[in-house]
């Protein structure tokens, strides 16, 4: 038979998992559930927006050339979620993007990068406390500029 303490421990593990999945900073169980509920609502809204007109979403956010990287930046409670995707592997682009983060004073807390056949970067960053306030558009512009200058310096036609 499973003891009450084991059940409670198992439940607490599940709450911590829910807390980490939803990026919640809540400490008590009720707040974790509320944060998870808000997170689910945001996901539902994103799915609804995508389902309303998936072709418009793609045409406005995805470049027609698979070698042209797509950059999206989402504002989080205390930072930004940055996504860069290119249908073609882009050797050296990661270094340019990370240098752009450093130049604007963005500390990368977590990042996932894949550059096997395509290039994909998902990063979560916080702005430095001593830096100026920045918004998602400024972060996107800095990353886009870094990619553009990288592309110009690596263009075989130059």
Protein backbone atom coordinates (compact mmCIF):
# COMPACT_ATOMS: atom_id res chain seq x y z
CA UNK A 1 0.00 0.00 0.00
CA UNK A 2 1.16 3.49 -0.79
CA UNK A 3 1.60 5.67 2.27
CA UNK A 4 0.13 9.14 2.62
CA UNK A 5 3.63 10.66 2.57
CA UNK A 6 4.45 8.91 -0.71
CA UNK A 7 1.23 10.17 -2.28
CA UNK A 8 1.96 13.69 -1.06
CA UNK A 9 5.52 13.50 -2.38
CA UNK A 10 4.29 12.26 -5.74
CA UNK A 11 1.74 15.07 -5.90
CA UNK A 12 4.42 17.66 -5.04
CA UNK A 13 6.64 16.28 -7.82
CA UNK A 14 3.77 16.71 -10.26
CA UNK A 15 3.20 20.28 -9.10
CA UNK A 16 6.89 21.07 -9.60
CA UNK A 17 6.76 19.56 -13.08
CA UNK A 18 3.67 21.65 -13.89
CA UNK A 19 5.43 24.70 -12.48
CA UNK A 20 8.49 24.18 -14.67
CA UNK A 21 6.50 23.43 -17.84
CA UNK A 22 4.44 26.60 -17.49
CA UNK A 23 7.40 28.78 -16.40
CA UNK A 24 5.55 29.60 -13.20
CA UNK A 25 7.35 31.27 -10.32
CA UNK A 26 4.51 30.52 -7.89
CA UNK A 27 5.23 28.75 -4.63
CA UNK A 28 1.85 27.47 -3.48
CA UNK A 29 -0.21 24.83 -5.25
CA UNK A 30 -3.20 27.07 -5.98
CA UNK A 31 -1.02 29.69 -7.67
CA UNK A 32 0.73 27.02 -9.72
CA UNK A 33 -2.66 25.79 -10.96
CA UNK A 34 -3.76 29.35 -11.76
CA UNK A 35 -0.53 29.97 -13.72
CA UNK A 36 -1.01 26.69 -15.58
CA UNK A 37 -4.57 27.71 -16.42
CA UNK A 38 -3.35 31.05 -17.84
CA UNK A 39 -0.64 29.24 -19.78
CA UNK A 40 -3.21 26.88 -21.32
CA UNK A 41 -5.44 29.83 -22.25
CA UNK A 42 -2.53 31.53 -24.03
CA UNK A 43 -1.79 28.33 -25.93
CA UNK A 44 -5.45 28.01 -26.92
CA UNK A 45 -5.44 31.59 -28.21
CA UNK A 46 -2.33 30.92 -30.27
CA UNK A 47 -3.90 27.80 -31.76
CA UNK A 48 -7.11 29.69 -32.55
CA UNK A 49 -5.17 32.50 -34.26
CA UNK A 50 -3.22 29.97 -36.28
CA UNK A 51 -6.34 27.99 -37.21
CA UNK A 52 -8.24 31.12 -38.29
CA UNK A 53 -5.89 31.78 -41.17
CA UNK A 54 -2.79 29.61 -41.30
CA UNK A 55 -1.81 30.85 -44.77
CA UNK A 56 -1.80 34.49 -43.66
CA UNK A 57 0.32 33.55 -40.64
CA UNK A 58 2.85 31.80 -42.82
CA UNK A 59 2.98 34.44 -45.49
CA UNK A 60 3.53 37.23 -43.03
CA UNK A 61 6.11 35.51 -40.84
CA UNK A 62 7.93 32.99 -43.02
CA UNK A 63 10.32 34.08 -45.70
CA UNK A 64 9.82 32.63 -49.16
CA UNK A 65 13.51 31.75 -49.46
CA UNK A 66 14.33 28.84 -47.11
CA UNK A 67 17.84 30.25 -46.62
CA UNK A 68 16.42 33.54 -45.26
CA UNK A 69 16.10 33.21 -41.48
CA UNK A 70 12.81 33.93 -39.72
CA UNK A 71 13.13 35.75 -36.38
CA UNK A 72 10.38 35.97 -33.77
CA UNK A 73 10.61 37.52 -30.32
CA UNK A 74 7.97 37.10 -27.63
CA UNK A 75 7.93 39.17 -24.46
CA UNK A 76 7.88 37.12 -21.27
CA UNK A 77 7.22 38.33 -17.75
CA UNK A 78 10.91 38.99 -17.09
CA UNK A 79 12.60 38.67 -20.45
CA UNK A 80 12.19 37.42 -23.99
CA UNK A 81 11.73 34.19 -25.93
CA UNK A 82 13.73 34.43 -29.14
CA UNK A 83 13.28 32.01 -32.05
CA UNK A 84 15.39 31.97 -35.18
CA UNK A 85 14.71 29.48 -37.94
CA UNK A 86 16.21 28.93 -41.36
CA UNK A 87 15.37 26.06 -43.69
CA UNK A 88 19.06 25.78 -44.54
CA UNK A 89 21.98 25.19 -42.18
CA UNK A 90 23.83 28.48 -41.69
CA UNK A 91 27.38 27.85 -40.37
CA UNK A 92 28.55 30.73 -38.21
CA UNK A 93 25.15 32.37 -37.76
CA UNK A 94 24.86 31.21 -34.14
CA UNK A 95 27.98 33.16 -33.21
CA UNK A 96 26.55 36.33 -34.79
CA UNK A 97 23.25 35.93 -32.94
CA UNK A 98 24.97 35.34 -29.60
CA UNK A 99 27.19 38.37 -30.17
CA UNK A 100 24.05 40.42 -30.83
CA UNK A 101 22.62 39.22 -27.50
CA UNK A 102 25.83 40.30 -25.79
CA UNK A 103 25.85 43.68 -27.58
CA UNK A 104 22.33 44.55 -26.40
CA UNK A 105 22.95 43.23 -22.88
CA UNK A 106 20.74 40.14 -23.02
CA UNK A 107 21.70 37.28 -20.71
CA UNK A 108 20.76 33.91 -22.19
CA UNK A 109 19.25 31.71 -19.49
CA UNK A 110 18.36 28.75 -21.65
CA UNK A 111 18.89 27.91 -25.30
CA UNK A 112 18.31 25.04 -27.69
CA UNK A 113 20.11 25.02 -31.00
CA UNK A 114 19.89 22.63 -33.92
CA UNK A 115 21.95 23.06 -37.05
CA UNK A 116 21.98 19.67 -38.73
CA UNK A 117 20.03 20.27 -41.95
CA UNK A 118 18.28 23.48 -40.95
CA UNK A 119 19.16 26.14 -38.39
CA UNK A 120 16.93 26.51 -35.35
CA UNK A 121 17.56 28.54 -32.19
CA UNK A 122 15.15 28.84 -29.28
CA UNK A 123 16.52 31.03 -26.49
CA UNK A 124 15.14 32.59 -23.34
CA UNK A 125 16.96 35.70 -22.18
CA UNK A 126 16.81 38.42 -19.56
CA UNK A 127 18.06 41.93 -20.01
CA UNK A 128 20.96 43.04 -17.81
CA UNK A 129 19.92 45.02 -14.75
CA UNK A 130 22.34 47.82 -15.63
CA UNK A 131 21.10 48.00 -19.22
CA UNK A 132 18.37 50.17 -20.67
CA UNK A 133 14.84 48.86 -20.88
CA UNK A 134 14.35 47.08 -24.18
CA UNK A 135 11.30 45.75 -25.91
CA UNK A 136 10.72 42.74 -28.12
CA UNK A 137 10.98 44.82 -31.29
CA UNK A 138 14.44 46.10 -30.29
CA UNK A 139 15.63 42.54 -29.61
CA UNK A 140 14.20 41.35 -32.93
CA UNK A 141 15.86 44.23 -34.78
CA UNK A 142 19.25 43.53 -33.16
CA UNK A 143 19.07 39.83 -34.07
CA UNK A 144 17.87 40.60 -37.61
CA UNK A 145 20.68 43.14 -38.09
CA UNK A 146 23.26 40.63 -36.83
CA UNK A 147 21.98 37.99 -39.25
CA UNK A 148 21.95 40.49 -42.12
CA UNK A 149 25.53 41.62 -41.48
CA UNK A 150 26.61 37.97 -41.06
CA UNK A 151 24.93 37.16 -44.39
CA UNK A 152 26.68 40.05 -46.14
CA UNK A 153 30.09 39.01 -44.84
CA UNK A 154 29.48 35.38 -45.87
CA UNK A 155 27.99 36.12 -49.29
CA UNK A 156 30.08 34.30 -51.92
CA UNK A 157 29.30 37.07 -54.44
CA UNK A 158 31.23 39.65 -52.38
